[in-house]
PDB file of all heavy atoms in Angstrom:
ATOM      1  N   LYS A   1       9.451 -35.523  42.427  1.00  0.00           N
ATOM      2  CA  LYS A   1       9.672 -34.177  42.889  1.00  0.00           C
ATOM      3  C   LYS A   1       8.773 -33.789  44.056  1.00  0.00           C
ATOM      4  O   LYS A   1       8.987 -32.802  44.722  1.00  0.00           O
ATOM      5  CB  LYS A   1       9.353 -33.155  41.739  1.00  0.00           C
ATOM      6  CG  LYS A   1      10.266 -33.357  40.525  1.00  0.00           C
ATOM      7  CD  LYS A   1      11.749 -33.243  40.891  1.00  0.00           C
ATOM      8  CE  LYS A   1      12.641 -33.340  39.690  1.00  0.00           C
ATOM      9  NZ  LYS A   1      14.126 -33.299  40.029  1.00  0.00           N
ATOM     10  N   SER A   2       7.728 -34.576  44.357  1.00  0.00           N
ATOM     11  CA  SER A   2       6.826 -34.255  45.428  1.00  0.00           C
ATOM     12  C   SER A   2       7.295 -34.952  46.778  1.00  0.00           C
ATOM     13  O   SER A   2       6.616 -34.852  47.781  1.00  0.00           O
ATOM     14  CB  SER A   2       5.448 -34.801  45.099  1.00  0.00           C
ATOM     15  OG  SER A   2       5.376 -36.239  45.117  1.00  0.00           O
ATOM     16  N   LYS A   3       8.513 -35.512  46.764  1.00  0.00           N
ATOM     17  CA  LYS A   3       9.068 -36.202  47.902  1.00  0.00           C
ATOM     18  C   LYS A   3      10.343 -35.569  48.336  1.00  0.00           C
ATOM     19  O   LYS A   3      11.225 -35.213  47.513  1.00  0.00           O
ATOM     20  CB  LYS A   3       9.192 -37.648  47.682  1.00  0.00           C
ATOM     21  CG  LYS A   3       7.956 -38.415  47.371  1.00  0.00           C
ATOM     22  CD  LYS A   3       8.188 -39.946  47.205  1.00  0.00           C
ATOM     23  CE  LYS A   3       6.843 -40.658  46.736  1.00  0.00           C
ATOM     24  NZ  LYS A   3       5.799 -40.556  47.714  1.00  0.00           N
ATOM     25  N   ARG A   4      10.477 -35.391  49.646  1.00  0.00           N
ATOM     26  CA  ARG A   4      11.809 -35.042  50.224  1.00  0.00           C
ATOM     27  C   ARG A   4      12.471 -36.263  50.715  1.00  0.00           C
ATOM     28  O   ARG A   4      11.931 -36.988  51.622  1.00  0.00           O
ATOM     29  CB  ARG A   4      11.558 -34.061  51.459  1.00  0.00           C
ATOM     30  CG  ARG A   4      12.884 -33.696  52.140  1.00  0.00           C
ATOM     31  CD  ARG A   4      12.625 -32.975  53.506  1.00  0.00           C
ATOM     32  NE  ARG A   4      12.026 -31.638  53.129  1.00  0.00           N
ATOM     33  CZ  ARG A   4      10.787 -31.302  53.313  1.00  0.00           C
ATOM     34  NH1 ARG A   4       9.936 -32.257  53.743  1.00  0.00           N
ATOM     35  NH2 ARG A   4      10.357 -30.102  53.024  1.00  0.00           N
ATOM     36  N   VAL A   5      13.543 -36.652  50.165  1.00  0.00           N
ATOM     37  CA  VAL A   5      14.129 -37.945  50.435  1.00  0.00           C
ATOM     38  C   VAL A   5      15.350 -37.770  51.402  1.00  0.00           C
ATOM     39  O   VAL A   5      16.311 -37.063  51.170  1.00  0.00           O
ATOM     40  CB  VAL A   5      14.656 -38.651  49.082  1.00  0.00           C
ATOM     41  CG1 VAL A   5      15.291 -40.003  49.430  1.00  0.00           C
ATOM     42  CG2 VAL A   5      13.539 -38.822  48.195  1.00  0.00           C
ATOM     43  N   ILE A   6      15.205 -38.417  52.512  1.00  0.00           N
ATOM     44  CA  ILE A   6      16.234 -38.364  53.616  1.00  0.00           C
ATOM     45  C   ILE A   6      16.768 -39.823  53.730  1.00  0.00           C
ATOM     46  O   ILE A   6      16.050 -40.757  53.772  1.00  0.00           O
ATOM     47  CB  ILE A   6      15.639 -37.967  54.974  1.00  0.00           C
ATOM     48  CG1 ILE A   6      14.812 -36.690  54.811  1.00  0.00           C
ATOM     49  CG2 ILE A   6      16.670 -37.770  55.973  1.00  0.00           C
ATOM     50  CD1 ILE A   6      15.453 -35.491  54.444  1.00  0.00           C
ATOM     51  N   ALA A   7      18.089 -39.851  53.886  1.00  0.00           N
ATOM     52  CA  ALA A   7      18.812 -41.197  54.102  1.00  0.00           C
ATOM     53  C   ALA A   7      19.516 -41.119  55.457  1.00  0.00           C
ATOM     54  O   ALA A   7      20.075 -40.124  55.756  1.00  0.00           O
ATOM     55  CB  ALA A   7      19.776 -41.508  52.985  1.00  0.00           C
ATOM     56  N   GLN A   8      19.460 -42.296  56.091  1.00  0.00           N
ATOM     57  CA  GLN A   8      20.339 -42.443  57.318  1.00  0.00           C
ATOM     58  C   GLN A   8      21.244 -43.628  57.080  1.00  0.00           C
ATOM     59  O   GLN A   8      20.886 -44.614  56.453  1.00  0.00           O
ATOM     60  CB  GLN A   8      19.517 -42.674  58.572  1.00  0.00           C
ATOM     61  CG  GLN A   8      18.542 -43.861  58.484  1.00  0.00           C
ATOM     62  CD  GLN A   8      17.969 -44.200  59.908  1.00  0.00           C
ATOM     63  OE1 GLN A   8      18.651 -44.300  60.868  1.00  0.00           O
ATOM     64  NE2 GLN A   8      16.614 -44.353  59.980  1.00  0.00           N
ATOM     65  N   ILE A   9      22.484 -43.500  57.576  1.00  0.00           N
ATOM     66  CA  ILE A   9      23.484 -44.566  57.356  1.00  0.00           C
ATOM     67  C   ILE A   9      23.952 -45.168  58.698  1.00  0.00           C
ATOM     68  O   ILE A   9      24.422 -44.442  59.614  1.00  0.00           O
ATOM     69  CB  ILE A   9      24.734 -43.980  56.626  1.00  0.00           C
ATOM     70  CG1 ILE A   9      24.320 -43.278  55.348  1.00  0.00           C
ATOM     71  CG2 ILE A   9      25.691 -45.079  56.310  1.00  0.00           C
ATOM     72  CD1 ILE A   9      25.486 -42.473  54.703  1.00  0.00           C
ATOM     73  N   ALA A  10      23.764 -46.471  58.862  1.00  0.00           N
ATOM     74  CA  ALA A  10      24.115 -47.184  60.081  1.00  0.00           C
ATOM     75  C   ALA A  10      25.649 -47.242  60.225  1.00  0.00           C
ATOM     76  O   ALA A  10      26.383 -47.188  59.256  1.00  0.00           O
ATOM     77  CB  ALA A  10      23.602 -48.548  60.111  1.00  0.00           C
ATOM     78  N   PRO A  11      26.133 -47.277  61.483  1.00  0.00           N
ATOM     79  CA  PRO A  11      27.627 -47.263  61.723  1.00  0.00           C
ATOM     80  C   PRO A  11      28.348 -48.400  60.988  1.00  0.00           C
ATOM     81  O   PRO A  11      29.405 -48.187  60.402  1.00  0.00           O
ATOM     82  CB  PRO A  11      27.693 -47.481  63.245  1.00  0.00           C
ATOM     83  CG  PRO A  11      26.435 -46.796  63.768  1.00  0.00           C
ATOM     84  CD  PRO A  11      25.376 -47.137  62.736  1.00  0.00           C
ATOM     85  N   ALA A  12      27.805 -49.617  60.933  1.00  0.00           N
ATOM     86  CA  ALA A  12      28.482 -50.737  60.374  1.00  0.00           C
ATOM     87  C   ALA A  12      28.677 -50.638  58.890  1.00  0.00           C
ATOM     88  O   ALA A  12      29.560 -51.351  58.330  1.00  0.00           O
ATOM     89  CB  ALA A  12      27.804 -52.063  60.760  1.00  0.00           C
ATOM     90  N   VAL A  13      27.896 -49.873  58.200  1.00  0.00           N
ATOM     91  CA  VAL A  13      27.938 -49.762  56.744  1.00  0.00           C
ATOM     92  C   VAL A  13      29.226 -49.093  56.350  1.00  0.00           C
ATOM     93  O   VAL A  13      29.884 -49.542  55.353  1.00  0.00           O
ATOM     94  CB  VAL A  13      26.743 -48.938  56.183  1.00  0.00           C
ATOM     95  CG1 VAL A  13      26.929 -48.744  54.662  1.00  0.00           C
ATOM     96  CG2 VAL A  13      25.411 -49.620  56.485  1.00  0.00           C
ATOM     97  N   ARG A  14      29.757 -48.177  57.091  1.00  0.00           N
ATOM     98  CA  ARG A  14      30.928 -47.390  56.767  1.00  0.00           C
ATOM     99  C   ARG A  14      32.202 -48.167  56.787  1.00  0.00           C
ATOM    100  O   ARG A  14      33.191 -47.753  56.264  1.00  0.00           O
ATOM    101  CB  ARG A  14      31.009 -46.112  57.667  1.00  0.00           C
ATOM    102  CG  ARG A  14      31.313 -46.379  59.089  1.00  0.00           C
ATOM    103  CD  ARG A  14      30.988 -45.206  59.965  1.00  0.00           C
ATOM    104  NE  ARG A  14      29.491 -45.135  60.028  1.00  0.00           N
ATOM    105  CZ  ARG A  14      28.831 -44.067  60.482  1.00  0.00           C
ATOM    106  NH1 ARG A  14      29.515 -42.977  60.929  1.00  0.00           N
ATOM    107  NH2 ARG A  14      27.498 -44.000  60.529  1.00  0.00           N
ATOM    108  N   VAL A  15      32.181 -49.327  57.477  1.00  0.00           N
ATOM    109  CA  VAL A  15      33.408 -50.125  57.535  1.00  0.00           C
ATOM    110  C   VAL A  15      33.330 -51.405  56.720  1.00  0.00           C
ATOM    111  O   VAL A  15      34.149 -52.278  56.858  1.00  0.00           O
ATOM    112  CB  VAL A  15      33.769 -50.477  59.052  1.00  0.00           C
ATOM    113  CG1 VAL A  15      34.207 -49.238  59.751  1.00  0.00           C
ATOM    114  CG2 VAL A  15      32.607 -51.184  59.713  1.00  0.00           C
ATOM    115  N   ALA A  16      32.312 -51.517  55.842  1.00  0.00           N
ATOM    116  CA  ALA A  16      32.135 -52.697  55.068  1.00  0.00           C
ATOM    117  C   ALA A  16      31.899 -52.405  53.592  1.00  0.00           C
ATOM    118  O   ALA A  16      32.309 -53.181  52.729  1.00  0.00           O
ATOM    119  CB  ALA A  16      30.971 -53.531  55.584  1.00  0.00           C
ATOM    120  N   LEU A  17      31.187 -51.314  53.228  1.00  0.00           N
ATOM    121  CA  LEU A  17      30.875 -51.051  51.863  1.00  0.00           C
ATOM    122  C   LEU A  17      32.085 -51.017  50.996  1.00  0.00           C
ATOM    123  O   LEU A  17      32.056 -51.440  49.824  1.00  0.00           O
ATOM    124  CB  LEU A  17      30.104 -49.708  51.704  1.00  0.00           C
ATOM    125  CG  LEU A  17      29.663 -49.394  50.317  1.00  0.00           C
ATOM    126  CD1 LEU A  17      28.552 -50.252  49.863  1.00  0.00           C
ATOM    127  CD2 LEU A  17      29.342 -47.879  50.119  1.00  0.00           C
ATOM    128  N   GLY A  18      33.245 -50.481  51.487  1.00  0.00           N
ATOM    129  CA  GLY A  18      34.434 -50.417  50.651  1.00  0.00           C
ATOM    130  C   GLY A  18      34.896 -51.756  50.050  1.00  0.00           C
ATOM    131  O   GLY A  18      35.564 -51.796  49.053  1.00  0.00           O
ATOM    132  N   GLU A  19      34.554 -52.840  50.729  1.00  0.00           N
ATOM    133  CA  GLU A  19      34.903 -54.179  50.277  1.00  0.00           C
ATOM    134  C   GLU A  19      34.342 -54.479  48.902  1.00  0.00           C
ATOM    135  O   GLU A  19      34.917 -55.221  48.073  1.00  0.00           O
ATOM    136  CB  GLU A  19      34.443 -55.233  51.222  1.00  0.00           C
ATOM    137  CG  GLU A  19      35.103 -55.143  52.593  1.00  0.00           C
ATOM    138  CD  GLU A  19      34.487 -55.964  53.696  1.00  0.00           C
ATOM    139  OE1 GLU A  19      33.871 -57.023  53.327  1.00  0.00           O
ATOM    140  OE2 GLU A  19      34.445 -55.567  54.866  1.00  0.00           O
ATOM    141  N   GLU A  20      33.190 -53.855  48.554  1.00  0.00           N
ATOM    142  CA  GLU A  20      32.575 -54.055  47.239  1.00  0.00           C
ATOM    143  C   GLU A  20      33.324 -53.336  46.171  1.00  0.00           C
ATOM    144  O   GLU A  20      33.091 -53.534  44.999  1.00  0.00           O
ATOM    145  CB  GLU A  20      31.170 -53.513  47.325  1.00  0.00           C
ATOM    146  CG  GLU A  20      30.173 -54.385  48.135  1.00  0.00           C
ATOM    147  CD  GLU A  20      29.966 -55.770  47.517  1.00  0.00           C
ATOM    148  OE1 GLU A  20      29.690 -55.775  46.253  1.00  0.00           O
ATOM    149  OE2 GLU A  20      30.040 -56.739  48.177  1.00  0.00           O
ATOM    150  N   PHE A  21      34.298 -52.468  46.553  1.00  0.00           N
ATOM    151  CA  PHE A  21      35.022 -51.696  45.645  1.00  0.00           C
ATOM    152  C   PHE A  21      36.501 -51.930  45.774  1.00  0.00           C
ATOM    153  O   PHE A  21      37.379 -51.024  45.409  1.00  0.00           O
ATOM    154  CB  PHE A  21      34.614 -50.196  45.744  1.00  0.00           C
ATOM    155  CG  PHE A  21      33.180 -49.919  45.474  1.00  0.00           C
ATOM    156  CD1 PHE A  21      32.312 -49.834  46.541  1.00  0.00           C
ATOM    157  CD2 PHE A  21      32.752 -49.833  44.175  1.00  0.00           C
ATOM    158  CE1 PHE A  21      30.959 -49.672  46.349  1.00  0.00           C
ATOM    159  CE2 PHE A  21      31.344 -49.646  44.027  1.00  0.00           C
ATOM    160  CZ  PHE A  21      30.476 -49.562  45.035  1.00  0.00           C
ATOM    161  N   GLY A  22      36.884 -53.048  46.308  1.00  0.00           N
ATOM    162  CA  GLY A  22      38.329 -53.458  46.408  1.00  0.00           C
ATOM    163  C   GLY A  22      39.062 -52.948  47.552  1.00  0.00           C
ATOM    164  O   GLY A  22      40.258 -53.158  47.642  1.00  0.00           O
ATOM    165  N   LEU A  23      38.420 -52.343  48.537  1.00  0.00           N
ATOM    166  CA  LEU A  23      39.049 -51.874  49.799  1.00  0.00           C
ATOM    167  C   LEU A  23      39.103 -53.004  50.841  1.00  0.00           C
ATOM    168  O   LEU A  23      38.355 -53.964  50.756  1.00  0.00           O
ATOM    169  CB  LEU A  23      38.447 -50.591  50.259  1.00  0.00           C
ATOM    170  CG  LEU A  23      38.295 -49.436  49.283  1.00  0.00           C
ATOM    171  CD1 LEU A  23      37.592 -48.214  49.898  1.00  0.00           C
ATOM    172  CD2 LEU A  23      39.707 -49.082  48.794  1.00  0.00           C
ATOM    173  N   ASN A  24      39.883 -52.784  51.855  1.00  0.00           N
ATOM    174  CA  ASN A  24      40.014 -53.777  52.933  1.00  0.00           C
ATOM    175  C   ASN A  24      38.827 -53.684  53.889  1.00  0.00           C
ATOM    176  O   ASN A  24      38.305 -52.561  54.140  1.00  0.00           O
ATOM    177  CB  ASN A  24      41.321 -53.530  53.622  1.00  0.00           C
ATOM    178  CG  ASN A  24      42.534 -53.891  52.750  1.00  0.00           C
ATOM    179  OD1 ASN A  24      42.508 -54.806  51.933  1.00  0.00           O
ATOM    180  ND2 ASN A  24      43.638 -53.115  52.926  1.00  0.00           N
ATOM    181  N   PRO A  25      38.520 -54.818  54.546  1.00  0.00           N
ATOM    182  CA  PRO A  25      37.512 -54.743  55.637  1.00  0.00           C
ATOM    183  C   PRO A  25      37.953 -53.786  56.699  1.00  0.00           C
ATOM    184  O   PRO A  25      39.154 -53.763  57.058  1.00  0.00           O
ATOM    185  CB  PRO A  25      37.492 -56.177  56.131  1.00  0.00           C
ATOM    186  CG  PRO A  25      37.997 -57.020  55.028  1.00  0.00           C
ATOM    187  CD  PRO A  25      39.002 -56.169  54.295  1.00  0.00           C
ATOM    188  N   GLY A  26      37.035 -52.997  57.229  1.00  0.00           N
ATOM    189  CA  GLY A  26      37.357 -52.056  58.260  1.00  0.00           C
ATOM    190  C   GLY A  26      37.740 -50.646  57.758  1.00  0.00           C
ATOM    191  O   GLY A  26      37.888 -49.708  58.553  1.00  0.00           O
ATOM    192  N   GLU A  27      38.039 -50.588  56.512  1.00  0.00           N
ATOM    193  CA  GLU A  27      38.409 -49.217  55.876  1.00  0.00           C
ATOM    194  C   GLU A  27      37.148 -48.378  55.876  1.00  0.00           C
ATOM    195  O   GLU A  27      36.114 -48.744  55.344  1.00  0.00           O
ATOM    196  CB  GLU A  27      38.963 -49.381  54.506  1.00  0.00           C
ATOM    197  CG  GLU A  27      39.622 -48.144  54.020  1.00  0.00           C
ATOM    198  CD  GLU A  27      40.633 -48.444  52.878  1.00  0.00           C
ATOM    199  OE1 GLU A  27      41.097 -49.524  52.800  1.00  0.00           O
ATOM    200  OE2 GLU A  27      40.947 -47.421  52.203  1.00  0.00           O
ATOM    201  N   VAL A  28      37.244 -47.149  56.463  1.00  0.00           N
ATOM    202  CA  VAL A  28      36.121 -46.230  56.657  1.00  0.00           C
ATOM    203  C   VAL A  28      35.916 -45.453  55.337  1.00  0.00           C
ATOM    204  O   VAL A  28      36.820 -44.779  54.845  1.00  0.00           O
ATOM    205  CB  VAL A  28      36.358 -45.278  57.826  1.00  0.00           C
ATOM    206  CG1 VAL A  28      35.192 -44.314  57.962  1.00  0.00           C
ATOM    207  CG2 VAL A  28      36.562 -46.109  59.081  1.00  0.00           C
ATOM    208  N   THR A  29      34.647 -45.524  54.839  1.00  0.00           N
ATOM    209  CA  THR A  29      34.366 -44.829  53.583  1.00  0.00           C
ATOM    210  C   THR A  29      33.197 -43.934  53.674  1.00  0.00           C
ATOM    211  O   THR A  29      32.515 -43.640  52.735  1.00  0.00           O
ATOM    212  CB  THR A  29      34.127 -45.866  52.479  1.00  0.00           C
ATOM    213  OG1 THR A  29      33.010 -46.749  52.850  1.00  0.00           O
ATOM    214  CG2 THR A  29      35.319 -46.768  52.138  1.00  0.00           C
ATOM    215  N   ILE A  30      32.854 -43.464  54.900  1.00  0.00           N
ATOM    216  CA  ILE A  30      31.658 -42.689  55.150  1.00  0.00           C
ATOM    217  C   ILE A  30      31.537 -41.495  54.221  1.00  0.00           C
ATOM    218  O   ILE A  30      30.426 -41.161  53.701  1.00  0.00           O
ATOM    219  CB  ILE A  30      31.447 -42.334  56.592  1.00  0.00           C
ATOM    220  CG1 ILE A  30      30.009 -41.870  56.842  1.00  0.00           C
ATOM    221  CG2 ILE A  30      32.484 -41.426  57.113  1.00  0.00           C
ATOM    222  CD1 ILE A  30      28.947 -42.874  56.549  1.00  0.00           C
ATOM    223  N   GLY A  31      32.642 -40.734  54.038  1.00  0.00           N
ATOM    224  CA  GLY A  31      32.580 -39.544  53.214  1.00  0.00           C
ATOM    225  C   GLY A  31      32.166 -39.881  51.776  1.00  0.00           C
ATOM    226  O   GLY A  31      31.378 -39.082  51.177  1.00  0.00           O
TER     227      GLY A  31
END
């Protein structure tokens, strides 16, 4: 609770993470 946690997401992450959940390469999942 004593920390303010900020995250930044690199561009390439949004077109690859979906592959871990059965989506196709290049599919944008940033939302």
